[in-house]
Amino acid sequence: MQQPPTDEPLSPPVAGAGDDDDGSHAIPSGSPYVFSPDAHAHLTPYLAALHGSCITHDRMTGSFLPPLNHEKLLGWWKVKMAEVAAERRVIIILLDESEPGARAKGPELVGAVMLGTPPTETSPHCGLVESLLVSPRHRSRGGARMLLAALEVEAARRGRYLLRAETASGSAAEEVFKKASYQLVGKIPGYTVNLAGEKLDEAIFYKDLSA
């Protein structure tokens, strides 16, 4: 499936997009793009760094626990890039551009989210919302809501209108999903382990874009 041009930002609906993990109503800042291996591969180390900063700052359970190894994070993201190239995954990046239209610079990367598109014949209409990340230095500007809105536009375009999301109970992401009208299905007790060795419940959400 051919992706839309990535030299123009996506234009998702931004009603309420100022709501971020702290409930603020700031004017949305940044432009979301569909990640293109040709245009954005040079940002891969910055995606790994963004992932690491969110784990460290938020103590999030983002597949890894401190102390973090950048090479391990980088390898994880390279696997995701291969899935993008194989059209099994979509990555939306948020750029705080100093020169709109110019080649993206690493420090301009302030957020990302992924849409998993499992190649199952029984669920061609389903998608997975994964790794919602916003740089700690770019919080309270509507970035999380903007990323989700852009992901939903792209998911609908690809016929993936039934979305599922999972996050640790009590996390900032849990509140973001609630504010974005994702429905809580339930919680799995003790699903993840944090740095302190505590077992955290996992909150399961869904959103039907066709409703």
C-alpha atoms as a PDB file:
ATOM      1  CA  MET A   1       0.000   0.000   0.000  1.00  0.00           C
ATOM      2  CA  GLN A   2       1.433   3.333  -0.993  1.00  0.00           C
ATOM      3  CA  GLN A   3       1.872   5.903   1.741  1.00  0.00           C
ATOM      4  CA  PRO A   4       0.832   9.525   1.270  1.00  0.00           C
ATOM      5  CA  PRO A   5       3.569  12.082   0.593  1.00  0.00           C
ATOM      6  CA  THR A   6       5.559  12.757   3.755  1.00  0.00           C
ATOM      7  CA  ASP A   7       6.863  16.209   2.836  1.00  0.00           C
ATOM      8  CA  GLU A   8       3.519  17.652   3.924  1.00  0.00           C
ATOM      9  CA  PRO A   9       2.272  17.333   7.508  1.00  0.00           C
ATOM     10  CA  LEU A  10      -0.847  15.324   8.212  1.00  0.00           C
ATOM     11  CA  SER A  11      -3.873  17.421   9.075  1.00  0.00           C
ATOM     12  CA  PRO A  12      -5.839  15.545  11.739  1.00  0.00           C
ATOM     13  CA  PRO A  13      -8.831  17.102  13.464  1.00  0.00           C
ATOM     14  CA  VAL A  14      -7.498  18.951  16.488  1.00  0.00           C
ATOM     15  CA  ALA A  15     -10.684  19.638  18.442  1.00  0.00           C
ATOM     16  CA  GLY A  16      -9.611  19.049  22.017  1.00  0.00           C
ATOM     17  CA  ALA A  17      -6.082  18.254  20.899  1.00  0.00           C
ATOM     18  CA  GLY A  18      -4.703  20.615  23.520  1.00  0.00           C
ATOM     19  CA  ASP A  19      -5.649  18.102  26.206  1.00  0.00           C
ATOM     20  CA  ASP A  20      -2.406  16.456  27.207  1.00  0.00           C
ATOM     21  CA  ASP A  21      -1.441  14.105  30.013  1.00  0.00           C
ATOM     22  CA  ASP A  22      -1.923  16.891  32.563  1.00  0.00           C
ATOM     23  CA  GLY A  23      -5.271  18.058  31.183  1.00  0.00           C
ATOM     24  CA  SER A  24      -3.977  21.402  29.935  1.00  0.00           C
ATOM     25  CA  HIS A  25      -5.491  23.268  26.987  1.00  0.00           C
ATOM     26  CA  ALA A  26      -2.410  24.697  25.316  1.00  0.00           C
ATOM     27  CA  ILE A  27      -2.362  25.558  21.632  1.00  0.00           C
ATOM     28  CA  PRO A  28      -1.166  22.406  19.781  1.00  0.00           C
ATOM     29  CA  SER A  29       2.503  22.651  18.824  1.00  0.00           C
ATOM     30  CA  GLY A  30       4.280  20.593  16.181  1.00  0.00           C
ATOM     31  CA  SER A  31       3.404  18.841  12.932  1.00  0.00           C
ATOM     32  CA  PRO A  32       2.680  15.090  12.605  1.00  0.00           C
ATOM     33  CA  TYR A  33       4.102  13.130   9.667  1.00  0.00           C
ATOM     34  CA  VAL A  34       3.912   9.525   8.517  1.00  0.00           C
ATOM     35  CA  PHE A  35       7.424   8.149   8.990  1.00  0.00           C
ATOM     36  CA  SER A  36       9.066   7.377   5.669  1.00  0.00           C
ATOM     37  CA  PRO A  37      12.239   5.250   5.605  1.00  0.00           C
ATOM     38  CA  ASP A  38      13.514   7.350   2.704  1.00  0.00           C
ATOM     39  CA  ALA A  39      12.839  10.736   4.308  1.00  0.00           C
ATOM     40  CA  HIS A  40      13.237   9.968   8.003  1.00  0.00           C
ATOM     41  CA  ALA A  41      15.629   7.021   8.485  1.00  0.00           C
ATOM     42  CA  HIS A  42      18.249   9.422   9.868  1.00  0.00           C
ATOM     43  CA  LEU A  43      15.900  10.076  12.813  1.00  0.00           C
ATOM     44  CA  THR A  44      16.109   6.470  14.066  1.00  0.00           C
ATOM     45  CA  PRO A  45      18.762   7.192  16.753  1.00  0.00           C
ATOM     46  CA  TYR A  46      16.631  10.114  17.936  1.00  0.00           C
ATOM     47  CA  LEU A  47      13.584   7.849  18.211  1.00  0.00           C
ATOM     48  CA  ALA A  48      15.636   5.529  20.411  1.00  0.00           C
ATOM     49  CA  ALA A  49      16.734   8.507  22.522  1.00  0.00           C
ATOM     50  CA  LEU A  50      13.131   9.754  22.793  1.00  0.00           C
ATOM     51  CA  HIS A  51      12.037   6.297  23.937  1.00  0.00           C
ATOM     52  CA  GLY A  52      14.785   6.232  26.542  1.00  0.00           C
ATOM     53  CA  SER A  53      13.991   9.702  27.866  1.00  0.00           C
ATOM     54  CA  CYS A  54      10.327   8.768  28.359  1.00  0.00           C
ATOM     55  CA  ILE A  55      11.271   5.593  30.222  1.00  0.00           C
ATOM     56  CA  THR A  56      13.652   7.526  32.470  1.00  0.00           C
ATOM     57  CA  HIS A  57      11.442  10.578  33.032  1.00  0.00           C
ATOM     58  CA  ASP A  58       8.115   8.787  33.490  1.00  0.00           C
ATOM     59  CA  ARG A  59       9.408   5.484  34.847  1.00  0.00           C
ATOM     60  CA  MET A  60       7.233   3.986  32.138  1.00  0.00           C
ATOM     61  CA  THR A  61       7.297   0.274  31.394  1.00  0.00           C
ATOM     62  CA  GLY A  62       8.212   0.719  27.746  1.00  0.00           C
ATOM     63  CA  SER A  63       9.638  -2.768  27.043  1.00  0.00           C
ATOM     64  CA  PHE A  64      12.895  -1.826  28.803  1.00  0.00           C
ATOM     65  CA  LEU A  65      14.009  -1.003  32.350  1.00  0.00           C
ATOM     66  CA  PRO A  66      16.885   1.254  33.473  1.00  0.00           C
ATOM     67  CA  PRO A  67      19.811   1.232  33.289  1.00  0.00           C
ATOM     68  CA  LEU A  68      19.159   1.701  29.597  1.00  0.00           C
ATOM     69  CA  ASN A  69      21.401   0.566  26.774  1.00  0.00           C
ATOM     70  CA  HIS A  70      21.149   2.869  23.758  1.00  0.00           C
ATOM     71  CA  GLU A  71      22.318   0.169  21.347  1.00  0.00           C
ATOM     72  CA  LYS A  72      19.573  -2.153  22.569  1.00  0.00           C
ATOM     73  CA  LEU A  73      16.963   0.586  22.110  1.00  0.00           C
ATOM     74  CA  LEU A  74      18.373   1.405  18.676  1.00  0.00           C
ATOM     75  CA  GLY A  75      18.183  -2.255  17.652  1.00  0.00           C
ATOM     76  CA  TRP A  76      14.553  -2.406  18.796  1.00  0.00           C
ATOM     77  CA  TRP A  77      13.674   0.600  16.641  1.00  0.00           C
ATOM     78  CA  LYS A  78      15.507  -0.822  13.641  1.00  0.00           C
ATOM     79  CA  VAL A  79      13.217  -3.860  13.873  1.00  0.00           C
ATOM     80  CA  LYS A  80      10.226  -1.494  13.803  1.00  0.00           C
ATOM     81  CA  MET A  81      11.694   0.241  10.734  1.00  0.00           C
ATOM     82  CA  ALA A  82      11.888  -3.109   8.963  1.00  0.00           C
ATOM     83  CA  GLU A  83       8.199  -3.647   9.752  1.00  0.00           C
ATOM     84  CA  VAL A  84       7.421  -0.219   8.271  1.00  0.00           C
ATOM     85  CA  ALA A  85       9.276  -1.199   5.093  1.00  0.00           C
ATOM     86  CA  ALA A  86       7.280  -4.462   5.012  1.00  0.00           C
ATOM     87  CA  GLU A  87       4.025  -2.453   5.425  1.00  0.00           C
ATOM     88  CA  ARG A  88       3.197  -4.175   8.720  1.00  0.00           C
ATOM     89  CA  ARG A  89       3.520  -1.013  10.783  1.00  0.00           C
ATOM     90  CA  VAL A  90       2.986   2.737  10.533  1.00  0.00           C
ATOM     91  CA  ILE A  91       4.911   5.257  12.610  1.00  0.00           C
ATOM     92  CA  ILE A  92       3.654   8.790  13.138  1.00  0.00           C
ATOM     93  CA  ILE A  93       6.309  11.288  14.213  1.00  0.00           C
ATOM     94  CA  LEU A  94       5.792  14.756  15.657  1.00  0.00           C
ATOM     95  CA  LEU A  95       8.251  17.424  14.524  1.00  0.00           C
ATOM     96  CA  ASP A  96       8.672  20.853  16.080  1.00  0.00           C
ATOM     97  CA  GLU A  97      10.073  22.297  12.869  1.00  0.00           C
ATOM     98  CA  SER A  98      12.346  25.317  12.707  1.00  0.00           C
ATOM     99  CA  GLU A  99      12.161  25.319   8.893  1.00  0.00           C
ATOM    100  CA  PRO A 100       8.925  23.704   7.659  1.00  0.00           C
ATOM    101  CA  GLY A 101       9.527  21.817   4.429  1.00  0.00           C
ATOM    102  CA  ALA A 102      13.247  21.353   5.062  1.00  0.00           C
ATOM    103  CA  ARG A 103      14.887  18.025   5.904  1.00  0.00           C
ATOM    104  CA  ALA A 104      13.910  17.055   9.443  1.00  0.00           C
ATOM    105  CA  LYS A 105      16.571  17.589  12.082  1.00  0.00           C
ATOM    106  CA  GLY A 106      17.028  15.156  14.962  1.00  0.00           C
ATOM    107  CA  PRO A 107      16.398  17.671  17.762  1.00  0.00           C
ATOM    108  CA  GLU A 108      13.075  18.572  16.091  1.00  0.00           C
ATOM    109  CA  LEU A 109      11.670  15.118  16.891  1.00  0.00           C
ATOM    110  CA  VAL A 110       9.419  15.607  19.920  1.00  0.00           C
ATOM    111  CA  GLY A 111       6.968  12.718  19.718  1.00  0.00           C
ATOM    112  CA  ALA A 112       5.980   9.439  18.090  1.00  0.00           C
ATOM    113  CA  VAL A 113       3.303   6.771  18.098  1.00  0.00           C
ATOM    114  CA  MET A 114       2.972   3.503  16.191  1.00  0.00           C
ATOM    115  CA  LEU A 115       0.092   1.749  14.477  1.00  0.00           C
ATOM    116  CA  GLY A 116       0.574  -1.989  14.357  1.00  0.00           C
ATOM    117  CA  THR A 117      -1.221  -3.639  11.430  1.00  0.00           C
ATOM    118  CA  PRO A 118      -1.095  -7.406  12.031  1.00  0.00           C
ATOM    119  CA  PRO A 119      -1.365  -9.320   8.744  1.00  0.00           C
ATOM    120  CA  THR A 120      -4.171 -11.583   9.995  1.00  0.00           C
ATOM    121  CA  GLU A 121      -6.955 -12.589   7.623  1.00  0.00           C
ATOM    122  CA  THR A 122      -9.521 -12.569  10.438  1.00  0.00           C
ATOM    123  CA  SER A 123      -8.808  -9.024  11.667  1.00  0.00           C
ATOM    124  CA  PRO A 124      -8.028  -6.878   8.610  1.00  0.00           C
ATOM    125  CA  HIS A 125     -10.025  -4.029  10.169  1.00  0.00           C
ATOM    126  CA  CYS A 126      -8.044  -3.933  13.426  1.00  0.00           C
ATOM    127  CA  GLY A 127      -4.989  -1.974  14.484  1.00  0.00           C
ATOM    128  CA  LEU A 128      -2.786  -1.673  17.554  1.00  0.00           C
ATOM    129  CA  VAL A 129      -1.855   1.686  19.074  1.00  0.00           C
ATOM    130  CA  GLU A 130       1.662   1.296  20.444  1.00  0.00           C
ATOM    131  CA  SER A 131       4.452   3.349  22.039  1.00  0.00           C
ATOM    132  CA  LEU A 132       2.828   6.759  22.468  1.00  0.00           C
ATOM    133  CA  LEU A 133       5.834   8.956  23.271  1.00  0.00           C
ATOM    134  CA  VAL A 134       6.138  12.705  23.852  1.00  0.00           C
ATOM    135  CA  SER A 135       9.424  14.321  24.829  1.00  0.00           C
ATOM    136  CA  PRO A 136       9.437  15.526  28.455  1.00  0.00           C
ATOM    137  CA  ARG A 137      10.565  18.947  27.189  1.00  0.00           C
ATOM    138  CA  HIS A 138       7.533  19.194  24.903  1.00  0.00           C
ATOM    139  CA  ARG A 139       4.743  18.257  27.300  1.00  0.00           C
ATOM    140  CA  SER A 140       1.525  20.222  27.899  1.00  0.00           C
ATOM    141  CA  ARG A 141       1.345  21.367  24.277  1.00  0.00           C
ATOM    142  CA  GLY A 142      -1.219  18.909  22.970  1.00  0.00           C
ATOM    143  CA  GLY A 143       1.384  16.596  21.442  1.00  0.00           C
ATOM    144  CA  ALA A 144      -0.096  13.311  22.671  1.00  0.00           C
ATOM    145  CA  ARG A 145      -3.575  14.155  21.421  1.00  0.00           C
ATOM    146  CA  MET A 146      -2.177  15.398  18.113  1.00  0.00           C
ATOM    147  CA  LEU A 147      -0.269  12.148  17.599  1.00  0.00           C
ATOM    148  CA  LEU A 148      -3.339  10.038  18.378  1.00  0.00           C
ATOM    149  CA  ALA A 149      -5.524  12.115  16.057  1.00  0.00           C
ATOM    150  CA  ALA A 150      -3.008  11.740  13.216  1.00  0.00           C
ATOM    151  CA  LEU A 151      -2.731   7.992  13.852  1.00  0.00           C
ATOM    152  CA  GLU A 152      -6.508   7.637  13.716  1.00  0.00           C
ATOM    153  CA  VAL A 153      -6.654   9.472  10.380  1.00  0.00           C
ATOM    154  CA  GLU A 154      -4.029   7.128   8.946  1.00  0.00           C
ATOM    155  CA  ALA A 155      -5.654   4.030  10.476  1.00  0.00           C
ATOM    156  CA  ALA A 156      -9.026   4.925   8.957  1.00  0.00           C
ATOM    157  CA  ARG A 157      -7.386   5.556   5.586  1.00  0.00           C
ATOM    158  CA  ARG A 158      -6.006   2.020   5.700  1.00  0.00           C
ATOM    159  CA  GLY A 159      -9.318   0.475   6.784  1.00  0.00           C
ATOM    160  CA  ARG A 160      -8.056  -0.178  10.329  1.00  0.00           C
ATOM    161  CA  TYR A 161     -11.015   1.377  12.096  1.00  0.00           C
ATOM    162  CA  LEU A 162     -11.067  -0.782  15.255  1.00  0.00           C
ATOM    163  CA  LEU A 163      -8.115   0.176  17.439  1.00  0.00           C
ATOM    164  CA  ARG A 164      -6.744  -1.455  20.570  1.00  0.00           C
ATOM    165  CA  ALA A 165      -4.357   0.132  23.053  1.00  0.00           C
ATOM    166  CA  GLU A 166      -2.655  -1.102  26.211  1.00  0.00           C
ATOM    167  CA  THR A 167      -0.778   0.790  28.911  1.00  0.00           C
ATOM    168  CA  ALA A 168       0.213   0.439  32.531  1.00  0.00           C
ATOM    169  CA  SER A 169      -2.597   1.363  34.893  1.00  0.00           C
ATOM    170  CA  GLY A 170      -1.950   4.701  36.558  1.00  0.00           C
ATOM    171  CA  SER A 171       0.309   5.952  33.765  1.00  0.00           C
ATOM    172  CA  ALA A 172      -0.037   9.303  32.012  1.00  0.00           C
ATOM    173  CA  ALA A 173      -0.911   7.423  28.816  1.00  0.00           C
ATOM    174  CA  GLU A 174      -3.954   5.895  30.519  1.00  0.00           C
ATOM    175  CA  GLU A 175      -5.421   9.368  31.038  1.00  0.00           C
ATOM    176  CA  VAL A 176      -4.563  10.401  27.476  1.00  0.00           C
ATOM    177  CA  PHE A 177      -6.495   7.433  26.062  1.00  0.00           C
ATOM    178  CA  LYS A 178      -9.495   8.191  28.253  1.00  0.00           C
ATOM    179  CA  LYS A 179      -9.557  11.825  27.120  1.00  0.00           C
ATOM    180  CA  ALA A 180      -9.299  10.686  23.493  1.00  0.00           C
ATOM    181  CA  SER A 181     -12.529   8.653  23.904  1.00  0.00           C
ATOM    182  CA  TYR A 182     -10.906   5.224  24.082  1.00  0.00           C
ATOM    183  CA  GLN A 183     -13.114   2.796  25.996  1.00  0.00           C
ATOM    184  CA  LEU A 184     -11.635   0.876  28.915  1.00  0.00           C
ATOM    185  CA  VAL A 185     -12.312  -2.847  28.509  1.00  0.00           C
ATOM    186  CA  GLY A 186     -10.659  -3.957  31.720  1.00  0.00           C
ATOM    187  CA  LYS A 187      -7.359  -4.487  33.481  1.00  0.00           C
ATOM    188  CA  ILE A 188      -4.977  -7.439  33.679  1.00  0.00           C
ATOM    189  CA  PRO A 189      -3.603  -7.679  37.232  1.00  0.00           C
ATOM    190  CA  GLY A 190       0.168  -7.680  37.661  1.00  0.00           C
ATOM    191  CA  TYR A 191       0.931  -7.668  33.929  1.00  0.00           C
ATOM    192  CA  THR A 192       4.088  -5.530  33.971  1.00  0.00           C
ATOM    193  CA  VAL A 193       7.009  -5.033  36.321  1.00  0.00           C
ATOM    194  CA  ASN A 194       8.527  -1.607  37.016  1.00  0.00           C
ATOM    195  CA  LEU A 195      12.027  -0.619  38.112  1.00  0.00           C
ATOM    196  CA  ALA A 196      11.149  -1.134  41.775  1.00  0.00           C
ATOM    197  CA  GLY A 197      10.052  -4.693  41.027  1.00  0.00           C
ATOM    198  CA  GLU A 198       6.399  -3.857  41.589  1.00  0.00           C
ATOM    199  CA  LYS A 199       3.793  -5.573  39.458  1.00  0.00           C
ATOM    200  CA  LEU A 200       1.469  -3.141  37.696  1.00  0.00           C
ATOM    201  CA  ASP A 201      -1.941  -3.753  36.191  1.00  0.00           C
ATOM    202  CA  GLU A 202      -2.330  -3.337  32.433  1.00  0.00           C
ATOM    203  CA  ALA A 203      -5.267  -1.258  31.179  1.00  0.00           C
ATOM    204  CA  ILE A 204      -6.846  -2.423  27.894  1.00  0.00           C
ATOM    205  CA  PHE A 205      -8.662   0.099  25.674  1.00  0.00           C
ATOM    206  CA  TYR A 206     -10.407   0.111  22.318  1.00  0.00           C
ATOM    207  CA  LYS A 207     -11.822   2.738  19.984  1.00  0.00           C
ATOM    208  CA  ASP A 208     -14.172   2.174  17.048  1.00  0.00           C
ATOM    209  CA  LEU A 209     -13.472   4.882  14.470  1.00  0.00           C
ATOM    210  CA  SER A 210     -16.562   3.878  12.475  1.00  0.00           C
ATOM    211  CA  ALA A 211     -18.953   4.572  15.357  1.00  0.00           C
END
